[in-house]
Amino acid sequence: METGKRFKKDELFKEAQSEFSVKLDRRLSLEQLEDQVARLRQHGKEPAESERKQPVPKRVRNVITGNIFNYDPIWKGLPDLEVIEWED
């Protein structure tokens, strides 16, 4: 591997990490790393999972009794409830 090529890959890795908070795979070729950095510059960083709008349940069904009712955030994570309708 050329020493100049290695330094270029290191620079691209550090640049992507500082500008976009993204760790690139150093095992990729220089051309692939350049392509990934170019796409990051063009499209920006994808929003993190927490930044994306999470779907909110509207109606749920109790899987044991079969009763259907409106969702209440208090019931979040209950295994007996199945979401049957989501809010838009």
PDB file of N, CA and C in Angstrom:
ATOM      1  N   MET A   1       0.849  -1.188   0.000  1.00  0.00           N
ATOM      2  CA  MET A   1       0.000   0.000   0.000  1.00  0.00           C
ATOM      3  C   MET A   1       0.885   1.238   0.000  1.00  0.00           C
ATOM      4  N   GLU A   2       0.570   2.184  -0.794  1.00  0.00           N
ATOM      5  CA  GLU A   2       1.306   3.433  -0.869  1.00  0.00           C
ATOM      6  C   GLU A   2       1.133   4.223   0.414  1.00  0.00           C
ATOM      7  N   THR A   3       2.187   4.915   0.846  1.00  0.00           N
ATOM      8  CA  THR A   3       2.073   5.698   2.076  1.00  0.00           C
ATOM      9  C   THR A   3       1.166   6.901   1.864  1.00  0.00           C
ATOM     10  N   GLY A   4       1.194   7.498   0.683  1.00  0.00           N
ATOM     11  CA  GLY A   4       0.320   8.638   0.398  1.00  0.00           C
ATOM     12  C   GLY A   4      -1.142   8.247   0.403  1.00  0.00           C
ATOM     13  N   LYS A   5      -1.416   7.057  -0.088  1.00  0.00           N
ATOM     14  CA  LYS A   5      -2.793   6.556  -0.123  1.00  0.00           C
ATOM     15  C   LYS A   5      -3.303   6.315   1.294  1.00  0.00           C
ATOM     16  N   ARG A   6      -2.438   5.788   2.154  1.00  0.00           N
ATOM     17  CA  ARG A   6      -2.832   5.510   3.533  1.00  0.00           C
ATOM     18  C   ARG A   6      -3.171   6.809   4.258  1.00  0.00           C
ATOM     19  N   PHE A   7      -2.343   7.838   4.056  1.00  0.00           N
ATOM     20  CA  PHE A   7      -2.598   9.116   4.720  1.00  0.00           C
ATOM     21  C   PHE A   7      -3.887   9.748   4.218  1.00  0.00           C
ATOM     22  N   LYS A   8      -4.179   9.593   2.945  1.00  0.00           N
ATOM     23  CA  LYS A   8      -5.410  10.129   2.372  1.00  0.00           C
ATOM     24  C   LYS A   8      -6.628   9.447   2.998  1.00  0.00           C
ATOM     25  N   LYS A   9      -6.541   8.115   3.179  1.00  0.00           N
ATOM     26  CA  LYS A   9      -7.639   7.386   3.806  1.00  0.00           C
ATOM     27  C   LYS A   9      -7.829   7.835   5.253  1.00  0.00           C
ATOM     28  N   ASP A  10      -6.727   8.051   5.960  1.00  0.00           N
ATOM     29  CA  ASP A  10      -6.814   8.523   7.343  1.00  0.00           C
ATOM     30  C   ASP A  10      -7.449   9.902   7.414  1.00  0.00           C
ATOM     31  N   GLU A  11      -7.088  10.760   6.475  1.00  0.00           N
ATOM     32  CA  GLU A  11      -7.669  12.107   6.450  1.00  0.00           C
ATOM     33  C   GLU A  11      -9.176  12.044   6.179  1.00  0.00           C
ATOM     34  N   LEU A  12      -9.582  11.194   5.236  1.00  0.00           N
ATOM     35  CA  LEU A  12     -11.008  11.052   4.938  1.00  0.00           C
ATOM     36  C   LEU A  12     -11.761  10.507   6.151  1.00  0.00           C
ATOM     37  N   PHE A  13     -11.170   9.535   6.839  1.00  0.00           N
ATOM     38  CA  PHE A  13     -11.793   8.954   8.023  1.00  0.00           C
ATOM     39  C   PHE A  13     -11.988  10.019   9.101  1.00  0.00           C
ATOM     40  N   LYS A  14     -10.951  10.810   9.366  1.00  0.00           N
ATOM     41  CA  LYS A  14     -11.028  11.863  10.393  1.00  0.00           C
ATOM     42  C   LYS A  14     -12.022  12.954   9.990  1.00  0.00           C
ATOM     43  N   GLU A  15     -12.036  13.299   8.713  1.00  0.00           N
ATOM     44  CA  GLU A  15     -12.950  14.326   8.218  1.00  0.00           C
ATOM     45  C   GLU A  15     -14.403  13.892   8.378  1.00  0.00           C
ATOM     46  N   ALA A  16     -14.706  12.654   8.008  1.00  0.00           N
ATOM     47  CA  ALA A  16     -16.070  12.147   8.134  1.00  0.00           C
ATOM     48  C   ALA A  16     -16.479  12.083   9.602  1.00  0.00           C
ATOM     49  N   GLN A  17     -15.538  11.727  10.450  1.00  0.00           N
ATOM     50  CA  GLN A  17     -15.854  11.622  11.867  1.00  0.00           C
ATOM     51  C   GLN A  17     -16.087  13.001  12.487  1.00  0.00           C
ATOM     52  N   SER A  18     -15.299  13.996  12.111  1.00  0.00           N
ATOM     53  CA  SER A  18     -15.455  15.324  12.707  1.00  0.00           C
ATOM     54  C   SER A  18     -16.651  16.089  12.129  1.00  0.00           C
ATOM     55  N   GLU A  19     -16.866  16.008  10.809  1.00  0.00           N
ATOM     56  CA  GLU A  19     -17.944  16.772  10.181  1.00  0.00           C
ATOM     57  C   GLU A  19     -19.318  16.128  10.348  1.00  0.00           C
ATOM     58  N   PHE A  20     -19.374  14.800  10.222  1.00  0.00           N
ATOM     59  CA  PHE A  20     -20.663  14.117  10.184  1.00  0.00           C
ATOM     60  C   PHE A  20     -20.885  13.155  11.347  1.00  0.00           C
ATOM     61  N   SER A  21     -19.924  13.017  12.234  1.00  0.00           N
ATOM     62  CA  SER A  21     -20.003  12.084  13.366  1.00  0.00           C
ATOM     63  C   SER A  21     -20.288  10.663  12.887  1.00  0.00           C
ATOM     64  N   VAL A  22     -19.614  10.271  11.806  1.00  0.00           N
ATOM     65  CA  VAL A  22     -19.793   8.952  11.207  1.00  0.00           C
ATOM     66  C   VAL A  22     -18.431   8.271  11.136  1.00  0.00           C
ATOM     67  N   LYS A  23     -18.390   7.009  11.541  1.00  0.00           N
ATOM     68  CA  LYS A  23     -17.152   6.234  11.408  1.00  0.00           C
ATOM     69  C   LYS A  23     -17.229   5.414  10.133  1.00  0.00           C
ATOM     70  N   LEU A  24     -16.286   5.644   9.243  1.00  0.00           N
ATOM     71  CA  LEU A  24     -16.220   4.888   8.000  1.00  0.00           C
ATOM     72  C   LEU A  24     -15.398   3.627   8.221  1.00  0.00           C
ATOM     73  N   ASP A  25     -15.582   2.658   7.358  1.00  0.00           N
ATOM     74  CA  ASP A  25     -14.835   1.412   7.431  1.00  0.00           C
ATOM     75  C   ASP A  25     -13.487   1.624   6.758  1.00  0.00           C
ATOM     76  N   ARG A  26     -12.419   1.561   7.535  1.00  0.00           N
ATOM     77  CA  ARG A  26     -11.079   1.811   6.996  1.00  0.00           C
ATOM     78  C   ARG A  26     -10.621   0.715   6.036  1.00  0.00           C
ATOM     79  N   ARG A  27     -11.291  -0.420   6.022  1.00  0.00           N
ATOM     80  CA  ARG A  27     -10.888  -1.520   5.144  1.00  0.00           C
ATOM     81  C   ARG A  27     -11.300  -1.285   3.692  1.00  0.00           C
ATOM     82  N   LEU A  28     -12.183  -0.315   3.461  1.00  0.00           N
ATOM     83  CA  LEU A  28     -12.635  -0.032   2.100  1.00  0.00           C
ATOM     84  C   LEU A  28     -11.514   0.616   1.304  1.00  0.00           C
ATOM     85  N   SER A  29     -11.639   0.572  -0.007  1.00  0.00           N
ATOM     86  CA  SER A  29     -10.634   1.201  -0.859  1.00  0.00           C
ATOM     87  C   SER A  29     -10.776   2.720  -0.788  1.00  0.00           C
ATOM     88  N   LEU A  30      -9.741   3.391  -1.235  1.00  0.00           N
ATOM     89  CA  LEU A  30      -9.737   4.852  -1.226  1.00  0.00           C
ATOM     90  C   LEU A  30     -10.898   5.405  -2.042  1.00  0.00           C
ATOM     91  N   GLU A  31     -11.174   4.808  -3.194  1.00  0.00           N
ATOM     92  CA  GLU A  31     -12.257   5.277  -4.056  1.00  0.00           C
ATOM     93  C   GLU A  31     -13.610   5.134  -3.360  1.00  0.00           C
ATOM     94  N   GLN A  32     -13.804   4.019  -2.656  1.00  0.00           N
ATOM     95  CA  GLN A  32     -15.069   3.807  -1.939  1.00  0.00           C
ATOM     96  C   GLN A  32     -15.225   4.810  -0.795  1.00  0.00           C
ATOM     97  N   LEU A  33     -14.146   5.085  -0.080  1.00  0.00           N
ATOM     98  CA  LEU A  33     -14.203   6.069   1.005  1.00  0.00           C
ATOM     99  C   LEU A  33     -14.509   7.462   0.460  1.00  0.00           C
ATOM    100  N   GLU A  34     -13.862   7.818  -0.659  1.00  0.00           N
ATOM    101  CA  GLU A  34     -14.131   9.122  -1.272  1.00  0.00           C
ATOM    102  C   GLU A  34     -15.590   9.227  -1.694  1.00  0.00           C
ATOM    103  N   ASP A  35     -16.133   8.142  -2.236  1.00  0.00           N
ATOM    104  CA  ASP A  35     -17.540   8.123  -2.649  1.00  0.00           C
ATOM    105  C   ASP A  35     -18.463   8.309  -1.448  1.00  0.00           C
ATOM    106  N   GLN A  36     -18.167   7.639  -0.340  1.00  0.00           N
ATOM    107  CA  GLN A  36     -19.002   7.774   0.853  1.00  0.00           C
ATOM    108  C   GLN A  36     -18.963   9.191   1.408  1.00  0.00           C
ATOM    109  N   VAL A  37     -17.787   9.802   1.435  1.00  0.00           N
ATOM    110  CA  VAL A  37     -17.672  11.175   1.937  1.00  0.00           C
ATOM    111  C   VAL A  37     -18.414  12.137   1.010  1.00  0.00           C
ATOM    112  N   ALA A  38     -18.322  11.916  -0.308  1.00  0.00           N
ATOM    113  CA  ALA A  38     -19.037  12.769  -1.259  1.00  0.00           C
ATOM    114  C   ALA A  38     -20.548  12.653  -1.057  1.00  0.00           C
ATOM    115  N   ARG A  39     -21.046  11.420  -0.824  1.00  0.00           N
ATOM    116  CA  ARG A  39     -22.486  11.243  -0.584  1.00  0.00           C
ATOM    117  C   ARG A  39     -22.911  11.896   0.730  1.00  0.00           C
ATOM    118  N   LEU A  40     -22.056  11.831   1.740  1.00  0.00           N
ATOM    119  CA  LEU A  40     -22.378  12.495   3.005  1.00  0.00           C
ATOM    120  C   LEU A  40     -22.481  14.006   2.810  1.00  0.00           C
ATOM    121  N   ARG A  41     -21.574  14.544   2.034  1.00  0.00           N
ATOM    122  CA  ARG A  41     -21.620  15.998   1.781  1.00  0.00           C
ATOM    123  C   ARG A  41     -22.874  16.375   1.002  1.00  0.00           C
ATOM    124  N   GLN A  42     -23.248  15.541   0.045  1.00  0.00           N
ATOM    125  CA  GLN A  42     -24.396  15.845  -0.811  1.00  0.00           C
ATOM    126  C   GLN A  42     -25.717  15.701  -0.057  1.00  0.00           C
ATOM    127  N   HIS A  43     -25.875  14.617   0.668  1.00  0.00           N
ATOM    128  CA  HIS A  43     -27.154  14.333   1.312  1.00  0.00           C
ATOM    129  C   HIS A  43     -27.179  14.691   2.788  1.00  0.00           C
ATOM    130  N   GLY A  44     -26.040  14.943   3.359  1.00  0.00           N
ATOM    131  CA  GLY A  44     -26.009  15.213   4.784  1.00  0.00           C
ATOM    132  C   GLY A  44     -26.147  13.928   5.572  1.00  0.00           C
ATOM    133  N   LYS A  45     -26.080  14.069   6.848  1.00  0.00           N
ATOM    134  CA  LYS A  45     -26.181  12.908   7.723  1.00  0.00           C
ATOM    135  C   LYS A  45     -27.638  12.509   7.867  1.00  0.00           C
ATOM    136  N   GLU A  46     -27.903  11.219   7.842  1.00  0.00           N
ATOM    137  CA  GLU A  46     -29.261  10.728   8.074  1.00  0.00           C
ATOM    138  C   GLU A  46     -29.628  11.047   9.515  1.00  0.00           C
ATOM    139  N   PRO A  47     -30.874  11.410   9.767  1.00  0.00           N
ATOM    140  CA  PRO A  47     -31.252  11.694  11.153  1.00  0.00           C
ATOM    141  C   PRO A  47     -31.107  10.460  12.025  1.00  0.00           C
ATOM    142  N   ALA A  48     -30.690  10.694  13.232  1.00  0.00           N
ATOM    143  CA  ALA A  48     -30.535   9.585  14.171  1.00  0.00           C
ATOM    144  C   ALA A  48     -31.901   8.993  14.484  1.00  0.00           C
ATOM    145  N   GLU A  49     -31.889   7.805  15.011  1.00  0.00           N
ATOM    146  CA  GLU A  49     -33.144   7.109  15.310  1.00  0.00           C
ATOM    147  C   GLU A  49     -34.002   7.939  16.265  1.00  0.00           C
ATOM    148  N   SER A  50     -33.370   8.610  17.217  1.00  0.00           N
ATOM    149  CA  SER A  50     -34.139   9.402  18.179  1.00  0.00           C
ATOM    150  C   SER A  50     -34.709  10.671  17.543  1.00  0.00           C
ATOM    151  N   GLU A  51     -34.083  11.165  16.457  1.00  0.00           N
ATOM    152  CA  GLU A  51     -34.554  12.380  15.801  1.00  0.00           C
ATOM    153  C   GLU A  51     -35.726  12.112  14.865  1.00  0.00           C
ATOM    154  N   ARG A  52     -35.856  10.878  14.403  1.00  0.00           N
ATOM    155  CA  ARG A  52     -36.960  10.540  13.509  1.00  0.00           C
ATOM    156  C   ARG A  52     -38.261  10.527  14.282  1.00  0.00           C
ATOM    157  N   LYS A  53     -39.336  10.861  13.589  1.00  0.00           N
ATOM    158  CA  LYS A  53     -40.647  10.851  14.239  1.00  0.00           C
ATOM    159  C   LYS A  53     -41.073   9.411  14.462  1.00  0.00           C
ATOM    160  N   GLN A  54     -41.289   9.068  15.703  1.00  0.00           N
ATOM    161  CA  GLN A  54     -41.706   7.721  16.047  1.00  0.00           C
ATOM    162  C   GLN A  54     -43.209   7.584  15.833  1.00  0.00           C
ATOM    163  N   PRO A  55     -43.660   6.482  15.251  1.00  0.00           N
ATOM    164  CA  PRO A  55     -45.105   6.290  15.082  1.00  0.00           C
ATOM    165  C   PRO A  55     -45.780   6.134  16.441  1.00  0.00           C
ATOM    166  N   VAL A  56     -46.985   6.659  16.546  1.00  0.00           N
ATOM    167  CA  VAL A  56     -47.736   6.610  17.797  1.00  0.00           C
ATOM    168  C   VAL A  56     -48.950   5.705  17.608  1.00  0.00           C
ATOM    169  N   PRO A  57     -49.117   4.724  18.481  1.00  0.00           N
ATOM    170  CA  PRO A  57     -50.288   3.852  18.364  1.00  0.00           C
ATOM    171  C   PRO A  57     -51.582   4.625  18.596  1.00  0.00           C
ATOM    172  N   LYS A  58     -52.632   4.276  17.868  1.00  0.00           N
ATOM    173  CA  LYS A  58     -53.931   4.918  18.042  1.00  0.00           C
ATOM    174  C   LYS A  58     -54.915   3.962  18.717  1.00  0.00           C
ATOM    175  N   ARG A  59     -54.996   2.720  18.204  1.00  0.00           N
ATOM    176  CA  ARG A  59     -55.897   1.729  18.794  1.00  0.00           C
ATOM    177  C   ARG A  59     -55.113   0.448  19.025  1.00  0.00           C
ATOM    178  N   VAL A  60     -55.429  -0.199  20.137  1.00  0.00           N
ATOM    179  CA  VAL A  60     -54.758  -1.448  20.489  1.00  0.00           C
ATOM    180  C   VAL A  60     -55.789  -2.522  20.823  1.00  0.00           C
ATOM    181  N   ARG A  61     -55.308  -3.776  20.781  1.00  0.00           N
ATOM    182  CA  ARG A  61     -56.173  -4.893  21.126  1.00  0.00           C
ATOM    183  C   ARG A  61     -55.453  -5.745  22.172  1.00  0.00           C
ATOM    184  N   ASN A  62     -56.194  -6.145  23.182  1.00  0.00           N
ATOM    185  CA  ASN A  62     -55.664  -7.064  24.173  1.00  0.00           C
ATOM    186  C   ASN A  62     -55.669  -8.454  23.549  1.00  0.00           C
ATOM    187  N   VAL A  63     -54.504  -9.084  23.466  1.00  0.00           N
ATOM    188  CA  VAL A  63     -54.410 -10.371  22.773  1.00  0.00           C
ATOM    189  C   VAL A  63     -55.050 -11.502  23.563  1.00  0.00           C
ATOM    190  N   ILE A  64     -55.255 -11.323  24.852  1.00  0.00           N
ATOM    191  CA  ILE A  64     -55.871 -12.367  25.675  1.00  0.00           C
ATOM    192  C   ILE A  64     -57.393 -12.285  25.607  1.00  0.00           C
ATOM    193  N   THR A  65     -57.934 -11.074  25.819  1.00  0.00           N
ATOM    194  CA  THR A  65     -59.390 -10.919  25.856  1.00  0.00           C
ATOM    195  C   THR A  65     -59.995 -10.555  24.512  1.00  0.00           C
ATOM    196  N   GLY A  66     -59.190  -9.945  23.620  1.00  0.00           N
ATOM    197  CA  GLY A  66     -59.699  -9.521  22.322  1.00  0.00           C
ATOM    198  C   GLY A  66     -60.353  -8.152  22.357  1.00  0.00           C
ATOM    199  N   ASN A  67     -60.362  -7.488  23.518  1.00  0.00           N
ATOM    200  CA  ASN A  67     -60.961  -6.148  23.619  1.00  0.00           C
ATOM    201  C   ASN A  67     -60.122  -5.141  22.854  1.00  0.00           C
ATOM    202  N   ILE A  68     -60.803  -4.220  22.149  1.00  0.00           N
ATOM    203  CA  ILE A  68     -60.146  -3.164  21.381  1.00  0.00           C
ATOM    204  C   ILE A  68     -60.470  -1.832  22.038  1.00  0.00           C
ATOM    205  N   PHE A  69     -59.420  -1.001  22.228  1.00  0.00           N
ATOM    206  CA  PHE A  69     -59.630   0.300  22.855  1.00  0.00           C
ATOM    207  C   PHE A  69     -58.549   1.269  22.413  1.00  0.00           C
ATOM    208  N   ASN A  70     -58.745   2.565  22.695  1.00  0.00           N
ATOM    209  CA  ASN A  70     -57.781   3.604  22.340  1.00  0.00           C
ATOM    210  C   ASN A  70     -56.524   3.446  23.182  1.00  0.00           C
ATOM    211  N   TYR A  71     -55.390   3.782  22.584  1.00  0.00           N
ATOM    212  CA  TYR A  71     -54.094   3.632  23.237  1.00  0.00           C
ATOM    213  C   TYR A  71     -53.871   4.737  24.267  1.00  0.00           C
ATOM    214  N   ASP A  72     -53.210   4.386  25.358  1.00  0.00           N
ATOM    215  CA  ASP A  72     -52.798   5.339  26.380  1.00  0.00           C
ATOM    216  C   ASP A  72     -51.296   5.127  26.609  1.00  0.00           C
ATOM    217  N   PRO A  73     -50.483   6.192  26.632  1.00  0.00           N
ATOM    218  CA  PRO A  73     -49.028   6.030  26.796  1.00  0.00           C
ATOM    219  C   PRO A  73     -48.624   5.270  28.061  1.00  0.00           C
ATOM    220  N   ILE A  74     -49.508   5.187  29.028  1.00  0.00           N
ATOM    221  CA  ILE A  74     -49.201   4.435  30.248  1.00  0.00           C
ATOM    222  C   ILE A  74     -48.951   2.963  29.918  1.00  0.00           C
ATOM    223  N   TRP A  75     -49.583   2.453  28.867  1.00  0.00           N
ATOM    224  CA  TRP A  75     -49.506   1.045  28.515  1.00  0.00           C
ATOM    225  C   TRP A  75     -48.320   0.698  27.622  1.00  0.00           C
ATOM    226  N   LYS A  76     -47.422   1.641  27.413  1.00  0.00           N
ATOM    227  CA  LYS A  76     -46.280   1.407  26.525  1.00  0.00           C
ATOM    228  C   LYS A  76     -45.470   0.195  27.016  1.00  0.00           C
ATOM    229  N   GLY A  77     -45.213  -0.725  26.110  1.00  0.00           N
ATOM    230  CA  GLY A  77     -44.388  -1.887  26.414  1.00  0.00           C
ATOM    231  C   GLY A  77     -45.114  -3.070  27.017  1.00  0.00           C
ATOM    232  N   LEU A  78     -46.425  -2.987  27.189  1.00  0.00           N
ATOM    233  CA  LEU A  78     -47.157  -4.130  27.725  1.00  0.00           C
ATOM    234  C   LEU A  78     -47.227  -5.242  26.676  1.00  0.00           C
ATOM    235  N   PRO A  79     -46.831  -6.447  27.032  1.00  0.00           N
ATOM    236  CA  PRO A  79     -46.796  -7.524  26.037  1.00  0.00           C
ATOM    237  C   PRO A  79     -48.173  -8.048  25.638  1.00  0.00           C
ATOM    238  N   ASP A  80     -49.199  -7.763  26.431  1.00  0.00           N
ATOM    239  CA  ASP A  80     -50.543  -8.259  26.114  1.00  0.00           C
ATOM    240  C   ASP A  80     -51.272  -7.391  25.098  1.00  0.00           C
ATOM    241  N   LEU A  81     -50.688  -6.245  24.715  1.00  0.00           N
ATOM    242  CA  LEU A  81     -51.356  -5.339  23.784  1.00  0.00           C
ATOM    243  C   LEU A  81     -50.727  -5.434  22.404  1.00  0.00           C
ATOM    244  N   GLU A  82     -51.594  -5.455  21.404  1.00  0.00           N
ATOM    245  CA  GLU A  82     -51.161  -5.485  20.012  1.00  0.00           C
ATOM    246  C   GLU A  82     -51.699  -4.238  19.320  1.00  0.00           C
ATOM    247  N   VAL A  83     -50.833  -3.463  18.690  1.00  0.00           N
ATOM    248  CA  VAL A  83     -51.260  -2.251  18.007  1.00  0.00           C
ATOM    249  C   VAL A  83     -51.963  -2.658  16.719  1.00  0.00           C
ATOM    250  N   ILE A  84     -53.178  -2.132  16.534  1.00  0.00           N
ATOM    251  CA  ILE A  84     -53.934  -2.463  15.324  1.00  0.00           C
ATOM    252  C   ILE A  84     -54.119  -1.245  14.425  1.00  0.00           C
ATOM    253  N   GLU A  85     -53.846  -0.042  14.968  1.00  0.00           N
ATOM    254  CA  GLU A  85     -53.990   1.171  14.168  1.00  0.00           C
ATOM    255  C   GLU A  85     -52.986   2.202  14.681  1.00  0.00           C
ATOM    256  N   TRP A  86     -52.314   2.886  13.721  1.00  0.00           N
ATOM    257  CA  TRP A  86     -51.323   3.904  14.053  1.00  0.00           C
ATOM    258  C   TRP A  86     -51.831   5.278  13.675  1.00  0.00           C
ATOM    259  N   GLU A  87     -51.414   6.298  14.443  1.00  0.00           N
ATOM    260  CA  GLU A  87     -51.752   7.684  14.063  1.00  0.00           C
ATOM    261  C   GLU A  87     -50.869   8.114  12.917  1.00  0.00           C
ATOM    262  N   ASP A  88     -51.417   8.975  12.047  1.00  0.00           N
ATOM    263  CA  ASP A  88     -50.652   9.471  10.901  1.00  0.00           C
ATOM    264  C   ASP A  88     -49.799  10.640  11.268  1.00  0.00           C
TER     265      ASP A  88
END
